[in-house]
Amino acid sequence: CVVARFDFTWGDAEFHQETLENLKIAIKKTKKLCSVMLDTTGPELLVVNKADHPIPLEAESFVVLTPDQEKEATSDLLPVNFGGLAKAVKPGDTIFLGQYLFTGSETTSVWLEVSEVKGDDVVCLIKNSAVLAGTLYTLHVSQVISTWGVKNNVDFLSLSHTRSGQDIREAREYLSKLGDLSQTQIFAKIENVEGLVNFDEILQEADGIILARGNLGIDLPPEKVFLFQKAAVYKCNMAGKPAVVTRVVDSMTDNLRPTRAEATDVANAVLDGADAILLGAETMRGLYPVETISIVGKICGESEKVYNQDSYFKNTVKYVGEPMSHMESIASSAVRAAIKVKASVIICFTSSGRAARLIAKYRPTMPVLSVVIPRLKTNQLRWTFTGGFEARQSLIIRGLFPMLADPQHPGGSKSATNETVLKVALDHGRNIGVIKSHDRVVVCQKVGDDSVVKIIELQD
């Protein structure tokens, strides 16, 4: 697990804080980096069930949706958290309600067809029998970010229901005013038709993309979802921005093994070029969270073994075109050299993480070890080292393995200092099992103002 996602659609700040403190203990014990993603709530239509009792809904019956949240939720009347619903729908429209947003199970999800609008109330025909359960809560997004997010210096913000590039720009402006959160990366969650229509401008503004297939499967015909997934992941790959795919092994919420279709789906996401798989209900409230992560990890590993890197590399170089930028040229040359000499690893010295991300963009067959060099910065009152954000944010990128260099040995133009940092990186590579004696290693680093790619052969 490289990114821990905290989904504020469910649970309060105290619940998530306890989870985060447990994560910090695990990080110290395992000595492994893990980044934190805050997943905001979006404008979902939620039932307000204060009594917290199950609500059975019978097919072909009628139910009234009302904005009056003081009323009790029953099989005939459902209070919802959106006062403008009556103005937003018309007879014949379809409304979806589901437990935990969308479980994929017809027993906990219901389709409604708008029959008539009566003042602020909406009368609906129930299309399938279902049982809604649980008390559903909503939170104001900015409050979650400015309190919990600032307190815990989150690495990623998952922006639910992103509809345009402007959504990202507004979120970034908001984060820029929140101290350290100016470094937080914004991942656009694509889960409705507007997000699809404006995908190109969203991709340009966002740091990464999350394809929320659960909600997309509601807004889109199911037979169209795979097509969008392939096109979106390809665009992310060519832009060098992480693509994250959701809803892969839903059945493991209650079962020890995924279905054959789910296992194939995970593999296809990897073969399409996805950087990460996002697990939701399976690890948040599922019965087999550890087994889920283990099985999904094994499927990803098998898929990466048969990934057509040669074809991908050629397509990416062709897509970037000529003349290449200086950084693109260095990154692609490092990958080409590593493939030609059969290097076991590419080591990249970087401060911002951008150079390592560019190398990883070309999907080399070997791991990319990103050595993040801390930088000194001051707020006029005290000096601090940066680098933690950059290292943790690299974790979500496929094939990238970050490590923080010792602040006492910042990689600069002095060859002796560089050699010290390189030795630490090589030792780290040996410890994690990606480097052994007599291997060839490609090193990408800056010496003064020059970018250098060199090949070294290790002795005993």
Protein backbone atom coordinates (compact mmCIF):
# COMPACT_ATOMS: atom_id res chain seq x y z
CA CYS A 1 0.00 0.00 0.00
CA VAL A 2 1.66 3.25 -1.07
CA VAL A 3 -1.19 5.75 -0.67
CA ALA A 4 -3.62 5.76 2.26
CA ARG A 5 -6.94 7.30 1.19
CA PHE A 6 -9.17 8.94 3.77
CA ASP A 7 -12.71 9.09 2.39
CA PHE A 8 -14.63 11.88 4.12
CA THR A 9 -17.92 10.81 2.57
CA TRP A 10 -18.06 8.46 5.57
CA GLY A 11 -16.92 8.83 9.16
CA ASP A 12 -16.03 11.94 11.14
CA ALA A 13 -12.68 13.70 11.58
CA GLU A 14 -11.94 11.86 14.84
CA PHE A 15 -12.41 8.46 13.19
CA HIS A 16 -10.03 9.36 10.36
CA GLN A 17 -7.50 10.89 12.77
CA GLU A 18 -7.33 7.63 14.72
CA THR A 19 -6.72 5.75 11.47
CA LEU A 20 -3.95 8.18 10.49
CA GLU A 21 -2.22 7.78 13.87
CA ASN A 22 -2.27 4.00 13.33
CA LEU A 23 -0.74 4.56 9.89
CA LYS A 24 2.09 6.64 11.38
CA ILE A 25 2.90 3.80 13.79
CA ALA A 26 2.95 1.33 10.88
CA ILE A 27 5.28 3.62 8.87
CA LYS A 28 7.75 3.81 11.78
CA LYS A 29 7.68 0.04 12.34
CA THR A 30 8.11 -0.92 8.67
CA LYS A 31 10.36 2.05 7.76
CA LYS A 32 8.39 2.45 4.54
CA LEU A 33 7.06 5.68 3.07
CA CYS A 34 3.30 6.07 2.68
CA SER A 35 1.45 9.11 1.38
CA VAL A 36 -1.96 10.42 2.46
CA MET A 37 -4.89 11.29 0.19
CA LEU A 38 -7.89 13.26 1.45
CA ASP A 39 -10.96 12.31 -0.58
CA THR A 40 -13.54 15.08 -0.41
CA THR A 41 -17.27 14.63 -0.36
CA GLY A 42 -19.08 15.71 -3.48
CA PRO A 43 -22.63 16.84 -4.25
CA GLU A 44 -24.13 13.35 -4.04
CA LEU A 45 -27.84 13.08 -3.42
CA LEU A 46 -28.03 11.51 0.04
CA VAL A 47 -30.97 10.22 2.05
CA VAL A 48 -31.20 11.61 5.59
CA ASN A 49 -32.19 8.62 7.71
CA LYS A 50 -32.00 9.92 11.28
CA ALA A 51 -33.69 6.89 12.81
CA ASP A 52 -31.01 4.66 11.27
CA HIS A 53 -33.43 1.85 10.45
CA PRO A 54 -33.45 -0.08 7.13
CA ILE A 55 -35.87 1.29 4.54
CA PRO A 56 -37.42 -1.35 2.22
CA LEU A 57 -38.49 -0.05 -1.19
CA GLU A 58 -40.82 -2.16 -3.36
CA ALA A 59 -40.66 -2.13 -7.16
CA GLU A 60 -43.60 -0.46 -8.95
CA SER A 61 -44.52 1.49 -5.78
CA PHE A 62 -44.24 5.25 -5.39
CA VAL A 63 -41.93 7.17 -3.02
CA VAL A 64 -41.72 10.92 -2.38
CA LEU A 65 -38.36 12.69 -2.15
CA THR A 66 -38.63 15.76 0.08
CA PRO A 67 -36.10 18.42 1.09
CA ASP A 68 -37.73 18.55 4.55
CA GLN A 69 -35.00 16.82 6.55
CA GLU A 70 -37.01 16.97 9.77
CA LYS A 71 -39.37 14.28 8.51
CA GLU A 72 -38.72 10.62 9.22
CA ALA A 73 -37.44 8.41 6.42
CA THR A 74 -39.95 5.68 5.49
CA SER A 75 -40.74 3.45 2.53
CA ASP A 76 -43.09 6.18 1.27
CA LEU A 77 -41.05 9.29 2.08
CA LEU A 78 -37.31 9.94 1.79
CA PRO A 79 -35.84 13.23 3.10
CA VAL A 80 -32.85 14.26 0.94
CA ASN A 81 -30.09 16.81 1.51
CA PHE A 82 -30.75 18.87 -1.63
CA GLY A 83 -33.33 21.65 -1.51
CA GLY A 84 -33.28 22.35 -5.24
CA LEU A 85 -34.13 18.84 -6.42
CA ALA A 86 -37.65 19.77 -7.60
CA LYS A 87 -36.20 22.43 -9.91
CA ALA A 88 -33.46 20.16 -11.22
CA VAL A 89 -35.62 17.26 -12.45
CA LYS A 90 -38.66 16.68 -14.67
CA PRO A 91 -41.04 13.74 -15.23
CA GLY A 92 -39.28 10.84 -16.93
CA ASP A 93 -35.85 11.63 -15.41
CA THR A 94 -33.96 8.88 -13.62
CA ILE A 95 -32.62 9.24 -10.06
CA PHE A 96 -30.23 6.77 -8.44
CA LEU A 97 -29.92 6.14 -4.70
CA GLY A 98 -27.55 3.63 -3.17
CA GLN A 99 -25.97 2.47 0.05
CA TYR A 100 -22.29 3.49 0.14
CA LEU A 101 -22.84 5.45 -3.10
CA PHE A 102 -22.91 2.41 -5.38
CA THR A 103 -22.17 -1.14 -4.30
CA GLY A 104 -23.16 -2.71 -7.59
CA SER A 105 -25.71 -4.80 -5.72
CA GLU A 106 -29.37 -4.45 -6.62
CA THR A 107 -30.30 -5.20 -3.00
CA THR A 108 -28.76 -1.96 -1.74
CA SER A 109 -29.20 0.28 -4.78
CA VAL A 110 -32.39 1.67 -6.25
CA TRP A 111 -33.39 3.34 -9.49
CA LEU A 112 -36.24 5.85 -9.38
CA GLU A 113 -38.16 7.41 -12.25
CA VAL A 114 -39.59 10.90 -11.68
CA SER A 115 -43.39 10.70 -11.97
CA GLU A 116 -44.36 14.26 -11.03
CA VAL A 117 -43.10 17.35 -9.22
CA LYS A 118 -45.28 18.70 -6.40
CA GLY A 119 -43.91 21.99 -5.07
CA ASP A 120 -40.55 21.13 -3.48
CA ASP A 121 -41.37 17.41 -3.42
CA VAL A 122 -40.59 14.90 -6.17
CA VAL A 123 -42.83 11.84 -6.63
CA CYS A 124 -40.95 8.84 -8.03
CA LEU A 125 -41.80 5.37 -9.31
CA ILE A 126 -39.51 2.70 -7.78
CA LYS A 127 -37.98 0.61 -10.60
CA ASN A 128 -36.44 -2.18 -8.50
CA SER A 129 -36.88 -3.55 -5.00
CA ALA A 130 -34.08 -2.66 -2.58
CA VAL A 131 -33.25 -1.91 1.05
CA LEU A 132 -31.51 1.35 1.96
CA ALA A 133 -29.65 1.17 5.27
CA GLY A 134 -27.51 3.36 7.48
CA THR A 135 -27.43 7.05 8.40
CA LEU A 136 -25.88 9.05 5.57
CA TYR A 137 -23.83 12.15 6.40
CA THR A 138 -22.56 15.06 4.33
CA LEU A 139 -19.69 17.42 5.07
CA HIS A 140 -18.74 20.79 3.65
CA VAL A 141 -15.63 20.21 1.55
CA SER A 142 -13.62 23.32 2.45
CA GLN A 143 -14.08 22.71 6.19
CA VAL A 144 -12.61 19.23 5.87
CA ILE A 145 -9.60 20.50 3.91
CA SER A 146 -8.86 23.55 6.07
CA THR A 147 -9.09 21.64 9.38
CA TRP A 148 -8.14 17.98 8.93
CA GLY A 149 -6.11 18.54 5.73
CA VAL A 150 -3.96 21.37 7.11
CA LYS A 151 -3.42 19.62 10.43
CA ASN A 152 -2.06 16.50 8.72
CA ASN A 153 -0.25 18.02 5.71
CA VAL A 154 -2.01 15.75 3.21
CA ASP A 155 -0.05 14.85 0.07
CA PHE A 156 -3.03 14.48 -2.28
CA LEU A 157 -6.49 15.96 -2.53
CA SER A 158 -9.02 13.84 -4.43
CA LEU A 159 -11.53 16.34 -5.81
CA SER A 160 -14.88 14.56 -6.11
CA HIS A 161 -17.20 15.26 -9.04
CA THR A 162 -14.69 17.40 -10.97
CA ARG A 163 -16.62 18.93 -13.85
CA SER A 164 -14.16 21.38 -15.46
CA GLY A 165 -10.65 22.78 -15.38
CA GLN A 166 -12.05 25.71 -13.40
CA ASP A 167 -12.89 23.33 -10.53
CA ILE A 168 -9.19 22.44 -10.28
CA ARG A 169 -8.04 26.05 -10.54
CA GLU A 170 -10.39 27.11 -7.73
CA ALA A 171 -9.24 24.23 -5.52
CA ARG A 172 -5.58 25.08 -6.17
CA GLU A 173 -6.15 28.72 -5.32
CA TYR A 174 -7.85 27.63 -2.10
CA LEU A 175 -4.97 25.31 -1.17
CA SER A 176 -2.38 28.01 -1.90
CA LYS A 177 -3.74 29.99 1.05
CA LEU A 178 -3.39 27.08 3.47
CA GLY A 179 0.34 27.08 4.26
CA ASP A 180 2.00 23.73 3.50
CA LEU A 181 -1.04 22.58 1.51
CA SER A 182 0.24 24.74 -1.36
CA GLN A 183 2.36 21.63 -2.13
CA THR A 184 -0.62 19.25 -2.04
CA GLN A 185 -1.30 17.66 -5.43
CA ILE A 186 -4.86 17.70 -6.77
CA PHE A 187 -6.29 14.57 -8.38
CA ALA A 188 -9.48 15.11 -10.36
CA LYS A 189 -12.12 12.48 -9.72
CA ILE A 190 -14.00 11.87 -12.98
CA GLU A 191 -17.44 10.47 -12.20
CA ASN A 192 -20.02 12.18 -14.40
CA VAL A 193 -20.66 13.13 -18.04
CA GLU A 194 -19.48 16.72 -17.53
CA GLY A 195 -16.13 15.39 -16.38
CA LEU A 196 -15.91 13.30 -19.55
CA VAL A 197 -16.84 16.16 -21.85
CA ASN A 198 -14.25 18.46 -20.26
CA PHE A 199 -11.64 15.75 -19.71
CA ASP A 200 -8.85 17.36 -21.74
CA GLU A 201 -8.96 20.67 -19.88
CA ILE A 202 -9.26 18.86 -16.53
CA LEU A 203 -6.18 16.75 -17.36
CA GLN A 204 -4.24 19.90 -18.23
CA GLU A 205 -4.98 21.46 -14.82
CA ALA A 206 -4.87 18.40 -12.53
CA ASP A 207 -1.82 16.59 -11.14
CA GLY A 208 -3.50 13.23 -11.72
CA ILE A 209 -6.81 11.59 -12.62
CA ILE A 210 -9.03 9.15 -10.71
CA LEU A 211 -11.53 7.28 -12.88
CA ALA A 212 -14.43 6.71 -10.47
CA ARG A 213 -16.06 3.89 -12.38
CA GLY A 214 -18.81 3.29 -9.82
CA ASN A 215 -20.46 6.63 -10.43
CA LEU A 216 -19.43 6.68 -14.10
CA GLY A 217 -21.34 3.42 -14.52
CA ILE A 218 -24.46 5.28 -13.39
CA ASP A 219 -24.00 8.31 -15.63
CA LEU A 220 -22.81 6.28 -18.63
CA PRO A 221 -24.23 3.16 -20.28
CA PRO A 222 -22.12 0.24 -18.90
CA GLU A 223 -20.94 -0.72 -22.37
CA LYS A 224 -19.27 2.70 -22.77
CA VAL A 225 -17.23 2.70 -19.54
CA PHE A 226 -14.35 0.54 -20.85
CA LEU A 227 -13.92 2.79 -23.89
CA PHE A 228 -13.58 5.90 -21.78
CA GLN A 229 -11.19 4.13 -19.41
CA LYS A 230 -8.82 3.18 -22.23
CA ALA A 231 -8.92 6.63 -23.84
CA ALA A 232 -8.49 8.47 -20.51
CA VAL A 233 -5.61 6.30 -19.30
CA TYR A 234 -3.83 6.73 -22.65
CA LYS A 235 -4.15 10.53 -22.42
CA CYS A 236 -2.83 10.47 -18.84
CA ASN A 237 0.14 8.33 -19.92
CA MET A 238 1.06 10.68 -22.74
CA ALA A 239 0.76 13.70 -20.43
CA GLY A 240 2.95 11.96 -17.84
CA LYS A 241 0.25 12.25 -15.16
CA PRO A 242 -0.87 9.37 -12.91
CA ALA A 243 -4.08 7.53 -13.81
CA VAL A 244 -5.93 5.76 -11.00
CA VAL A 245 -8.71 3.21 -11.60
CA THR A 246 -11.41 2.40 -9.00
CA ARG A 247 -13.99 -0.35 -8.38
CA VAL A 248 -12.04 -3.45 -9.37
CA VAL A 249 -12.75 -6.20 -6.81
CA ASP A 250 -16.10 -5.25 -5.26
CA SER A 251 -16.96 -8.88 -4.51
CA MET A 252 -14.02 -9.08 -2.06
CA THR A 253 -15.97 -6.86 0.33
CA ASP A 254 -17.66 -10.09 1.41
CA ASN A 255 -15.60 -12.84 -0.27
CA LEU A 256 -12.07 -14.14 0.18
CA ARG A 257 -11.36 -14.30 -3.58
CA PRO A 258 -12.24 -12.02 -6.48
CA THR A 259 -14.27 -13.28 -9.43
CA ARG A 260 -12.39 -14.27 -12.59
CA ALA A 261 -13.87 -11.22 -14.31
CA GLU A 262 -12.58 -8.92 -11.55
CA ALA A 263 -9.09 -10.44 -11.67
CA THR A 264 -9.03 -9.91 -15.44
CA ASP A 265 -10.29 -6.35 -14.97
CA VAL A 266 -7.37 -5.52 -12.65
CA ALA A 267 -4.92 -6.97 -15.17
CA ASN A 268 -6.47 -5.03 -18.05
CA ALA A 269 -6.23 -1.78 -16.08
CA VAL A 270 -2.48 -2.39 -15.72
CA LEU A 271 -2.13 -3.33 -19.40
CA ASP A 272 -4.06 -0.18 -20.34
CA GLY A 273 -1.39 1.81 -18.50
CA ALA A 274 -2.96 2.65 -15.11
CA ASP A 275 -0.54 3.83 -12.42
CA ALA A 276 -2.58 2.74 -9.43
CA ILE A 277 -5.63 0.78 -8.33
CA LEU A 278 -7.87 2.46 -5.75
CA LEU A 279 -9.61 0.17 -3.27
CA GLY A 280 -12.72 1.41 -1.48
CA ALA A 281 -15.34 -0.65 0.33
CA GLU A 282 -13.06 -3.72 0.12
CA THR A 283 -10.55 -2.20 2.55
CA MET A 284 -12.73 0.32 4.39
CA ARG A 285 -15.49 -1.96 5.61
CA GLY A 286 -14.77 -5.27 3.87
CA LEU A 287 -14.14 -8.56 5.63
CA TYR A 288 -10.81 -9.26 3.89
CA PRO A 289 -8.81 -6.00 3.54
CA VAL A 290 -5.33 -7.58 3.79
CA GLU A 291 -6.18 -10.38 1.36
CA THR A 292 -7.64 -7.82 -1.06
CA ILE A 293 -4.42 -5.78 -1.16
CA SER A 294 -2.34 -8.95 -1.48
CA ILE A 295 -4.34 -10.40 -4.39
CA VAL A 296 -4.62 -7.12 -6.29
CA GLY A 297 -0.85 -6.62 -5.83
CA LYS A 298 -0.10 -10.09 -7.22
CA ILE A 299 -2.33 -9.51 -10.26
CA CYS A 300 -0.63 -6.16 -10.92
CA GLY A 301 2.79 -7.82 -10.66
CA GLU A 302 1.89 -10.55 -13.16
CA SER A 303 0.44 -7.96 -15.55
CA GLU A 304 3.54 -5.77 -15.43
CA LYS A 305 5.66 -8.78 -16.46
CA VAL A 306 3.84 -9.01 -19.81
CA TYR A 307 3.37 -5.27 -20.39
CA ASN A 308 4.52 -4.32 -23.90
CA GLN A 309 7.09 -1.71 -22.85
CA ASP A 310 8.79 -1.58 -26.26
CA SER A 311 5.59 -0.55 -28.04
CA TYR A 312 4.71 1.92 -25.27
CA PHE A 313 8.16 3.56 -25.40
CA LYS A 314 7.99 4.06 -29.17
CA ASN A 315 4.46 5.49 -28.97
CA THR A 316 5.43 7.91 -26.19
CA VAL A 317 8.51 9.19 -28.04
CA LYS A 318 6.41 9.61 -31.19
CA TYR A 319 3.65 11.42 -29.25
CA VAL A 320 6.11 13.87 -27.63
CA GLY A 321 7.49 14.66 -31.09
CA GLU A 322 10.44 16.82 -32.09
CA PRO A 323 12.11 18.97 -31.03
CA MET A 324 11.94 17.44 -27.55
CA SER A 325 12.38 19.62 -24.50
CA HIS A 326 15.71 19.32 -22.72
CA MET A 327 14.21 17.32 -19.82
CA GLU A 328 12.18 14.98 -22.09
CA SER A 329 15.31 14.26 -24.11
CA ILE A 330 17.36 13.40 -21.01
CA ALA A 331 14.57 11.23 -19.54
CA SER A 332 13.94 9.25 -22.74
CA SER A 333 17.70 8.84 -23.31
CA ALA A 334 18.15 7.46 -19.78
CA VAL A 335 15.41 4.90 -20.37
CA ARG A 336 16.74 3.95 -23.82
CA ALA A 337 20.26 3.49 -22.41
CA ALA A 338 18.97 1.40 -19.49
CA ILE A 339 17.10 -0.91 -21.87
CA LYS A 340 20.05 -1.26 -24.27
CA VAL A 341 22.59 -2.17 -21.55
CA LYS A 342 20.02 -4.26 -19.60
CA ALA A 343 20.44 -2.15 -16.48
CA SER A 344 18.78 -3.47 -13.33
CA VAL A 345 17.72 -0.02 -12.12
CA ILE A 346 17.70 3.68 -13.05
CA ILE A 347 18.79 6.04 -10.27
CA CYS A 348 17.68 9.65 -10.56
CA PHE A 349 18.76 12.53 -8.31
CA THR A 350 15.98 15.11 -8.09
CA SER A 351 14.74 17.93 -5.86
CA SER A 352 11.27 18.60 -7.23
CA GLY A 353 10.69 14.99 -8.31
CA ARG A 354 9.96 16.15 -11.89
CA ALA A 355 13.01 14.48 -13.48
CA ALA A 356 12.18 11.12 -11.92
CA ARG A 357 8.51 11.44 -12.94
CA LEU A 358 9.56 12.11 -16.53
CA ILE A 359 11.76 9.00 -16.57
CA ALA A 360 8.89 6.93 -15.15
CA LYS A 361 6.61 8.37 -17.84
CA TYR A 362 8.52 6.27 -20.41
CA ARG A 363 7.68 3.10 -18.45
CA PRO A 364 11.16 1.50 -18.28
CA THR A 365 11.22 -2.25 -17.67
CA MET A 366 13.39 -1.72 -14.58
CA PRO A 367 12.55 0.19 -11.37
CA VAL A 368 13.32 3.91 -11.15
CA LEU A 369 14.95 4.80 -7.83
CA SER A 370 14.19 8.46 -7.18
CA VAL A 371 16.65 10.01 -4.74
CA VAL A 372 14.95 13.17 -3.50
CA ILE A 373 17.51 15.79 -2.47
CA PRO A 374 16.25 17.96 0.42
CA ARG A 375 16.30 21.72 -0.12
CA LEU A 376 16.64 24.38 2.53
CA LYS A 377 13.90 26.99 2.77
CA THR A 378 13.05 29.69 5.29
CA ASN A 379 10.00 31.67 6.35
CA GLN A 380 12.31 34.37 7.85
CA LEU A 381 11.87 32.81 11.30
CA ARG A 382 13.30 29.33 10.88
CA TRP A 383 15.01 27.10 8.34
CA THR A 384 13.39 23.84 7.25
CA PHE A 385 14.26 21.09 4.78
CA THR A 386 11.79 20.20 2.02
CA GLY A 387 11.61 16.86 0.27
CA GLY A 388 9.04 14.86 2.24
CA PHE A 389 6.12 15.94 0.04
CA GLU A 390 8.07 15.26 -3.16
CA ALA A 391 9.16 11.79 -2.05
CA ARG A 392 5.72 10.71 -0.84
CA GLN A 393 3.96 12.09 -3.92
CA SER A 394 6.21 9.95 -6.15
CA LEU A 395 4.71 6.82 -4.59
CA ILE A 396 1.56 6.97 -6.73
CA ILE A 397 3.57 6.84 -9.97
CA ARG A 398 4.06 3.45 -11.56
CA GLY A 399 7.58 2.04 -11.33
CA LEU A 400 8.91 4.88 -9.15
CA PHE A 401 10.55 4.10 -5.80
CA PRO A 402 11.45 7.26 -3.86
CA MET A 403 13.93 7.69 -1.03
CA LEU A 404 14.96 10.82 0.86
CA ALA A 405 18.66 11.72 0.82
CA ASP A 406 20.33 12.75 4.06
CA PRO A 407 20.01 16.56 4.46
CA GLN A 408 23.68 16.60 5.53
CA HIS A 409 24.69 15.34 2.10
CA PRO A 410 22.61 17.32 -0.40
CA GLY A 411 23.46 16.29 -3.96
CA GLY A 412 25.11 19.25 -5.62
CA SER A 413 27.86 19.87 -8.12
CA LYS A 414 30.61 18.46 -5.86
CA SER A 415 31.53 15.02 -7.14
CA ALA A 416 32.53 13.78 -3.67
CA THR A 417 29.10 14.66 -2.29
CA ASN A 418 27.39 13.04 -5.27
CA GLU A 419 29.39 9.86 -4.81
CA THR A 420 28.31 9.70 -1.15
CA VAL A 421 24.63 10.04 -2.07
CA LEU A 422 25.03 7.50 -4.91
CA LYS A 423 26.56 4.97 -2.51
CA VAL A 424 23.57 5.41 -0.16
CA ALA A 425 21.19 4.93 -3.11
CA LEU A 426 23.01 1.78 -4.28
CA ASP A 427 22.97 0.34 -0.76
CA HIS A 428 19.23 1.06 -0.57
CA GLY A 429 18.74 -0.69 -3.91
CA ARG A 430 20.62 -3.75 -2.61
CA ASN A 431 18.56 -3.78 0.58
CA ILE A 432 15.23 -3.80 -1.28
CA GLY A 433 16.52 -6.45 -3.68
CA VAL A 434 16.64 -4.58 -7.01
CA ILE A 435 20.46 -4.35 -7.30
CA LYS A 436 23.13 -7.05 -6.96
CA SER A 437 26.86 -7.41 -7.73
CA HIS A 438 27.97 -7.00 -11.37
CA ASP A 439 24.67 -5.29 -12.33
CA ARG A 440 24.67 -2.28 -14.60
CA VAL A 441 22.99 0.84 -13.30
CA VAL A 442 22.00 4.00 -15.18
CA VAL A 443 22.38 7.21 -13.17
CA CYS A 444 20.68 10.47 -14.12
CA GLN A 445 21.85 13.56 -12.24
CA LYS A 446 22.63 17.25 -12.52
CA VAL A 447 26.26 18.33 -12.30
CA GLY A 448 26.30 22.10 -12.08
CA ASP A 449 23.95 23.28 -14.83
CA ASP A 450 24.34 20.13 -16.91
CA SER A 451 22.18 16.99 -16.89
CA VAL A 452 24.28 13.83 -17.08
CA VAL A 453 23.28 10.24 -17.89
CA LYS A 454 25.98 7.71 -17.02
CA ILE A 455 26.22 3.92 -16.95
CA ILE A 456 28.10 2.23 -14.13
CA GLU A 457 28.91 -1.46 -13.63
CA LEU A 458 28.98 -2.62 -10.03
CA GLN A 459 31.82 -4.66 -8.57
CA ASP A 460 31.58 -7.05 -5.61
